[in-house]
PDB file of all heavy atoms in Angstrom:
ATOM      1  N   ILE A   1       7.557  -5.222   3.076  1.00  0.00           N
ATOM      2  CA  ILE A   1       6.894  -5.411   4.373  1.00  0.00           C
ATOM      3  C   ILE A   1       5.404  -5.111   4.266  1.00  0.00           C
ATOM      4  O   ILE A   1       4.556  -5.921   4.649  1.00  0.00           O
ATOM      5  CB  ILE A   1       7.530  -4.482   5.440  1.00  0.00           C
ATOM      6  CG1 ILE A   1       9.006  -4.838   5.635  1.00  0.00           C
ATOM      7  CG2 ILE A   1       6.774  -4.602   6.769  1.00  0.00           C
ATOM      8  CD1 ILE A   1       9.762  -3.865   6.515  1.00  0.00           C
ATOM      9  N   MET A   2       5.054  -3.954   3.701  1.00  0.00           N
ATOM     10  CA  MET A   2       3.665  -3.515   3.644  1.00  0.00           C
ATOM     11  C   MET A   2       2.851  -4.256   2.591  1.00  0.00           C
ATOM     12  O   MET A   2       1.657  -4.509   2.788  1.00  0.00           O
ATOM     13  CB  MET A   2       3.619  -2.005   3.379  1.00  0.00           C
ATOM     14  CG  MET A   2       4.307  -1.161   4.431  1.00  0.00           C
ATOM     15  SD  MET A   2       3.516  -1.272   6.056  1.00  0.00           S
ATOM     16  CE  MET A   2       2.037  -0.299   5.781  1.00  0.00           C
ATOM     17  N   GLY A   3       3.477  -4.615   1.471  1.00  0.00           N
ATOM     18  CA  GLY A   3       2.761  -5.322   0.410  1.00  0.00           C
ATOM     19  C   GLY A   3       2.244  -6.686   0.858  1.00  0.00           C
ATOM     20  O   GLY A   3       1.039  -6.975   0.740  1.00  0.00           O
ATOM     21  N   PRO A   4       3.110  -7.557   1.375  1.00  0.00           N
ATOM     22  CA  PRO A   4       2.641  -8.853   1.869  1.00  0.00           C
ATOM     23  C   PRO A   4       1.629  -8.719   3.016  1.00  0.00           C
ATOM     24  O   PRO A   4       0.723  -9.543   3.134  1.00  0.00           O
ATOM     25  CB  PRO A   4       3.935  -9.520   2.363  1.00  0.00           C
ATOM     26  CG  PRO A   4       5.009  -8.899   1.540  1.00  0.00           C
ATOM     27  CD  PRO A   4       4.581  -7.478   1.356  1.00  0.00           C
ATOM     28  N   LEU A   5       1.782  -7.678   3.838  1.00  0.00           N
ATOM     29  CA  LEU A   5       0.827  -7.447   4.921  1.00  0.00           C
ATOM     30  C   LEU A   5      -0.561  -7.180   4.355  1.00  0.00           C
ATOM     31  O   LEU A   5      -1.560  -7.747   4.830  1.00  0.00           O
ATOM     32  CB  LEU A   5       1.275  -6.268   5.792  1.00  0.00           C
ATOM     33  CG  LEU A   5       0.312  -5.842   6.915  1.00  0.00           C
ATOM     34  CD1 LEU A   5       0.106  -6.982   7.903  1.00  0.00           C
ATOM     35  CD2 LEU A   5       0.833  -4.589   7.621  1.00  0.00           C
ATOM     36  N   ALA A   6      -0.662  -6.321   3.327  1.00  0.00           N
ATOM     37  CA  ALA A   6      -1.947  -6.025   2.700  1.00  0.00           C
ATOM     38  C   ALA A   6      -2.540  -7.278   2.065  1.00  0.00           C
ATOM     39  O   ALA A   6      -3.739  -7.570   2.215  1.00  0.00           O
ATOM     40  CB  ALA A   6      -1.776  -4.936   1.644  1.00  0.00           C
ATOM     41  N   THR A   7      -1.726  -8.043   1.382  1.00  0.00           N
ATOM     42  CA  THR A   7      -2.199  -9.278   0.731  1.00  0.00           C
ATOM     43  C   THR A   7      -2.686 -10.291   1.762  1.00  0.00           C
ATOM     44  O   THR A   7      -3.722 -10.941   1.577  1.00  0.00           O
ATOM     45  CB  THR A   7      -1.067  -9.886  -0.115  1.00  0.00           C
ATOM     46  OG1 THR A   7      -0.594  -8.915  -1.054  1.00  0.00           O
ATOM     47  CG2 THR A   7      -1.550 -11.119  -0.867  1.00  0.00           C
ATOM     48  N   LYS A   8      -1.971 -10.411   2.850  1.00  0.00           N
ATOM     49  CA  LYS A   8      -2.335 -11.347   3.916  1.00  0.00           C
ATOM     50  C   LYS A   8      -3.699 -11.009   4.517  1.00  0.00           C
ATOM     51  O   LYS A   8      -4.487 -11.902   4.874  1.00  0.00           O
ATOM     52  CB  LYS A   8      -1.259 -11.329   5.001  1.00  0.00           C
ATOM     53  CG  LYS A   8      -1.523 -12.280   6.165  1.00  0.00           C
ATOM     54  CD  LYS A   8      -0.408 -12.174   7.199  1.00  0.00           C
ATOM     55  CE  LYS A   8      -0.693 -13.077   8.405  1.00  0.00           C
ATOM     56  NZ  LYS A   8       0.371 -12.953   9.435  1.00  0.00           N
ATOM     57  N   LEU A   9      -3.998  -9.699   4.594  1.00  0.00           N
ATOM     58  CA  LEU A   9      -5.272  -9.266   5.165  1.00  0.00           C
ATOM     59  C   LEU A   9      -6.390  -9.220   4.127  1.00  0.00           C
ATOM     60  O   LEU A   9      -7.519  -8.842   4.435  1.00  0.00           O
ATOM     61  CB  LEU A   9      -5.107  -7.872   5.800  1.00  0.00           C
ATOM     62  CG  LEU A   9      -4.136  -7.777   6.984  1.00  0.00           C
ATOM     63  CD1 LEU A   9      -3.966  -6.333   7.422  1.00  0.00           C
ATOM     64  CD2 LEU A   9      -4.631  -8.631   8.151  1.00  0.00           C
ATOM     65  N   GLY A  10      -6.069  -9.610   2.879  1.00  0.00           N
ATOM     66  CA  GLY A  10      -7.082  -9.651   1.824  1.00  0.00           C
ATOM     67  C   GLY A  10      -7.306  -8.330   1.122  1.00  0.00           C
ATOM     68  O   GLY A  10      -8.350  -8.125   0.488  1.00  0.00           O
ATOM     69  N   PHE A  11      -6.328  -7.417   1.194  1.00  0.00           N
ATOM     70  CA  PHE A  11      -6.478  -6.108   0.565  1.00  0.00           C
ATOM     71  C   PHE A  11      -5.612  -6.010  -0.690  1.00  0.00           C
ATOM     72  O   PHE A  11      -4.679  -6.786  -0.893  1.00  0.00           O
ATOM     73  CB  PHE A  11      -6.113  -4.996   1.543  1.00  0.00           C
ATOM     74  CG  PHE A  11      -6.967  -4.976   2.779  1.00  0.00           C
ATOM     75  CD1 PHE A  11      -6.401  -4.964   4.045  1.00  0.00           C
ATOM     76  CD2 PHE A  11      -8.354  -4.999   2.678  1.00  0.00           C
ATOM     77  CE1 PHE A  11      -7.183  -4.946   5.184  1.00  0.00           C
ATOM     78  CE2 PHE A  11      -9.150  -4.990   3.814  1.00  0.00           C
ATOM     79  CZ  PHE A  11      -8.570  -4.973   5.069  1.00  0.00           C
ATOM     80  N   SER A  12      -5.910  -5.034  -1.515  1.00  0.00           N
ATOM     81  CA  SER A  12      -5.253  -4.872  -2.814  1.00  0.00           C
ATOM     82  C   SER A  12      -3.825  -4.341  -2.680  1.00  0.00           C
ATOM     83  O   SER A  12      -3.613  -3.263  -2.113  1.00  0.00           O
ATOM     84  CB  SER A  12      -6.068  -3.909  -3.686  1.00  0.00           C
ATOM     85  OG  SER A  12      -5.316  -3.468  -4.791  1.00  0.00           O
ATOM     86  N   PRO A  13      -2.850  -5.054  -3.226  1.00  0.00           N
ATOM     87  CA  PRO A  13      -1.472  -4.535  -3.203  1.00  0.00           C
ATOM     88  C   PRO A  13      -1.338  -3.298  -4.091  1.00  0.00           C
ATOM     89  O   PRO A  13      -0.484  -2.443  -3.838  1.00  0.00           O
ATOM     90  CB  PRO A  13      -0.637  -5.712  -3.724  1.00  0.00           C
ATOM     91  CG  PRO A  13      -1.593  -6.545  -4.513  1.00  0.00           C
ATOM     92  CD  PRO A  13      -2.917  -6.402  -3.831  1.00  0.00           C
ATOM     93  N   GLU A  14      -2.200  -3.214  -5.147  1.00  0.00           N
ATOM     94  CA  GLU A  14      -2.157  -2.040  -6.024  1.00  0.00           C
ATOM     95  C   GLU A  14      -2.545  -0.774  -5.260  1.00  0.00           C
ATOM     96  O   GLU A  14      -1.915   0.280  -5.421  1.00  0.00           O
ATOM     97  CB  GLU A  14      -3.103  -2.225  -7.223  1.00  0.00           C
ATOM     98  CG  GLU A  14      -2.690  -3.309  -8.187  1.00  0.00           C
ATOM     99  CD  GLU A  14      -3.192  -4.690  -7.776  1.00  0.00           C
ATOM    100  OE1 GLU A  14      -3.888  -4.786  -6.734  1.00  0.00           O
ATOM    101  OE2 GLU A  14      -2.904  -5.662  -8.490  1.00  0.00           O
ATOM    102  N   VAL A  15      -3.577  -0.873  -4.427  1.00  0.00           N
ATOM    103  CA  VAL A  15      -3.979   0.283  -3.626  1.00  0.00           C
ATOM    104  C   VAL A  15      -2.896   0.619  -2.619  1.00  0.00           C
ATOM    105  O   VAL A  15      -2.634   1.796  -2.334  1.00  0.00           O
ATOM    106  CB  VAL A  15      -5.326   0.018  -2.916  1.00  0.00           C
ATOM    107  CG1 VAL A  15      -5.706   1.211  -2.033  1.00  0.00           C
ATOM    108  CG2 VAL A  15      -6.426  -0.242  -3.927  1.00  0.00           C
ATOM    109  N   MET A  16      -2.229  -0.395  -2.073  1.00  0.00           N
ATOM    110  CA  MET A  16      -1.144  -0.144  -1.133  1.00  0.00           C
ATOM    111  C   MET A  16      -0.013   0.629  -1.814  1.00  0.00           C
ATOM    112  O   MET A  16       0.585   1.538  -1.220  1.00  0.00           O
ATOM    113  CB  MET A  16      -0.608  -1.464  -0.572  1.00  0.00           C
ATOM    114  CG  MET A  16       0.554  -1.298   0.408  1.00  0.00           C
ATOM    115  SD  MET A  16       0.166  -0.198   1.809  1.00  0.00           S
ATOM    116  CE  MET A  16      -0.929  -1.248   2.753  1.00  0.00           C
ATOM    117  N   VAL A  17       0.262   0.299  -3.072  1.00  0.00           N
ATOM    118  CA  VAL A  17       1.279   1.032  -3.830  1.00  0.00           C
ATOM    119  C   VAL A  17       0.891   2.503  -3.944  1.00  0.00           C
ATOM    120  O   VAL A  17       1.716   3.404  -3.761  1.00  0.00           O
ATOM    121  CB  VAL A  17       1.468   0.417  -5.239  1.00  0.00           C
ATOM    122  CG1 VAL A  17       2.318   1.341  -6.115  1.00  0.00           C
ATOM    123  CG2 VAL A  17       2.116  -0.952  -5.138  1.00  0.00           C
ATOM    124  N   MET A  18      -0.401   2.753  -4.235  1.00  0.00           N
ATOM    125  CA  MET A  18      -0.842   4.128  -4.400  1.00  0.00           C
ATOM    126  C   MET A  18      -0.953   4.867  -3.065  1.00  0.00           C
ATOM    127  O   MET A  18      -0.804   6.084  -3.015  1.00  0.00           O
ATOM    128  CB  MET A  18      -2.179   4.170  -5.142  1.00  0.00           C
ATOM    129  CG  MET A  18      -2.089   3.696  -6.591  1.00  0.00           C
ATOM    130  SD  MET A  18      -0.665   4.361  -7.494  1.00  0.00           S
ATOM    131  CE  MET A  18      -0.926   6.121  -7.362  1.00  0.00           C
ATOM    132  N   ILE A  19      -1.206   4.135  -1.980  1.00  0.00           N
ATOM    133  CA  ILE A  19      -1.185   4.761  -0.648  1.00  0.00           C
ATOM    134  C   ILE A  19       0.234   5.265  -0.360  1.00  0.00           C
ATOM    135  O   ILE A  19       0.423   6.389   0.114  1.00  0.00           O
ATOM    136  CB  ILE A  19      -1.641   3.765   0.436  1.00  0.00           C
ATOM    137  CG1 ILE A  19      -3.150   3.517   0.326  1.00  0.00           C
ATOM    138  CG2 ILE A  19      -1.283   4.278   1.833  1.00  0.00           C
ATOM    139  CD1 ILE A  19      -3.663   2.436   1.253  1.00  0.00           C
ATOM    140  N   PHE A  20       1.197   4.419  -0.660  1.00  0.00           N
ATOM    141  CA  PHE A  20       2.597   4.823  -0.498  1.00  0.00           C
ATOM    142  C   PHE A  20       2.911   6.051  -1.356  1.00  0.00           C
ATOM    143  O   PHE A  20       3.498   7.035  -0.882  1.00  0.00           O
ATOM    144  CB  PHE A  20       3.520   3.662  -0.875  1.00  0.00           C
ATOM    145  CG  PHE A  20       4.744   4.055  -1.646  1.00  0.00           C
ATOM    146  CD1 PHE A  20       5.793   4.725  -1.022  1.00  0.00           C
ATOM    147  CD2 PHE A  20       4.850   3.778  -3.012  1.00  0.00           C
ATOM    148  CE1 PHE A  20       6.910   5.106  -1.744  1.00  0.00           C
ATOM    149  CE2 PHE A  20       5.959   4.152  -3.726  1.00  0.00           C
ATOM    150  CZ  PHE A  20       6.986   4.822  -3.099  1.00  0.00           C
ATOM    151  N   SER A  21       2.501   6.022  -2.633  1.00  0.00           N
ATOM    152  CA  SER A  21       2.796   7.116  -3.553  1.00  0.00           C
ATOM    153  C   SER A  21       2.135   8.419  -3.105  1.00  0.00           C
ATOM    154  O   SER A  21       2.766   9.486  -3.106  1.00  0.00           O
ATOM    155  CB  SER A  21       2.319   6.754  -4.969  1.00  0.00           C
ATOM    156  OG  SER A  21       2.558   7.806  -5.873  1.00  0.00           O
ATOM    157  N   ALA A  22       0.849   8.328  -2.696  1.00  0.00           N
ATOM    158  CA  ALA A  22       0.101   9.525  -2.300  1.00  0.00           C
ATOM    159  C   ALA A  22       0.640  10.128  -1.005  1.00  0.00           C
ATOM    160  O   ALA A  22       0.787  11.355  -0.890  1.00  0.00           O
ATOM    161  CB  ALA A  22      -1.377   9.188  -2.144  1.00  0.00           C
ATOM    162  N   ALA A  23       0.938   9.277  -0.028  1.00  0.00           N
ATOM    163  CA  ALA A  23       1.410   9.776   1.265  1.00  0.00           C
ATOM    164  C   ALA A  23       2.812  10.363   1.164  1.00  0.00           C
ATOM    165  O   ALA A  23       3.083  11.463   1.673  1.00  0.00           O
ATOM    166  CB  ALA A  23       1.382   8.653   2.302  1.00  0.00           C
ATOM    167  N   SER A  24       3.708   9.635   0.508  1.00  0.00           N
ATOM    168  CA  SER A  24       5.074  10.158   0.372  1.00  0.00           C
ATOM    169  C   SER A  24       5.071  11.406  -0.502  1.00  0.00           C
ATOM    170  O   SER A  24       5.836  12.345  -0.274  1.00  0.00           O
ATOM    171  CB  SER A  24       6.003   9.092  -0.216  1.00  0.00           C
ATOM    172  OG  SER A  24       5.591   8.707  -1.520  1.00  0.00           O
ATOM    173  N   GLY A  25       4.175  11.426  -1.510  1.00  0.00           N
ATOM    174  CA  GLY A  25       4.068  12.604  -2.363  1.00  0.00           C
ATOM    175  C   GLY A  25       3.587  13.820  -1.602  1.00  0.00           C
ATOM    176  O   GLY A  25       4.066  14.942  -1.817  1.00  0.00           O
ATOM    177  N   ALA A  26       2.633  13.620  -0.682  1.00  0.00           N
ATOM    178  CA  ALA A  26       2.132  14.738   0.129  1.00  0.00           C
ATOM    179  C   ALA A  26       3.233  15.302   1.025  1.00  0.00           C
ATOM    180  O   ALA A  26       3.383  16.527   1.154  1.00  0.00           O
ATOM    181  CB  ALA A  26       0.941  14.277   0.975  1.00  0.00           C
ATOM    182  N   VAL A  27       4.004  14.416   1.637  1.00  0.00           N
ATOM    183  CA  VAL A  27       5.101  14.868   2.508  1.00  0.00           C
ATOM    184  C   VAL A  27       6.147  15.622   1.698  1.00  0.00           C
ATOM    185  O   VAL A  27       6.684  16.646   2.145  1.00  0.00           O
ATOM    186  CB  VAL A  27       5.744  13.670   3.232  1.00  0.00           C
ATOM    187  CG1 VAL A  27       7.030  14.088   3.944  1.00  0.00           C
ATOM    188  CG2 VAL A  27       4.770  13.084   4.239  1.00  0.00           C
TER     189      VAL A  27
END
């Protein structure tokens, strides 16, 4: 869901992966 959303808006899917990793890791 989030990956295609980032790509559609012209943003990096790699950064989205790390946003997921960093946020879930913090929790």
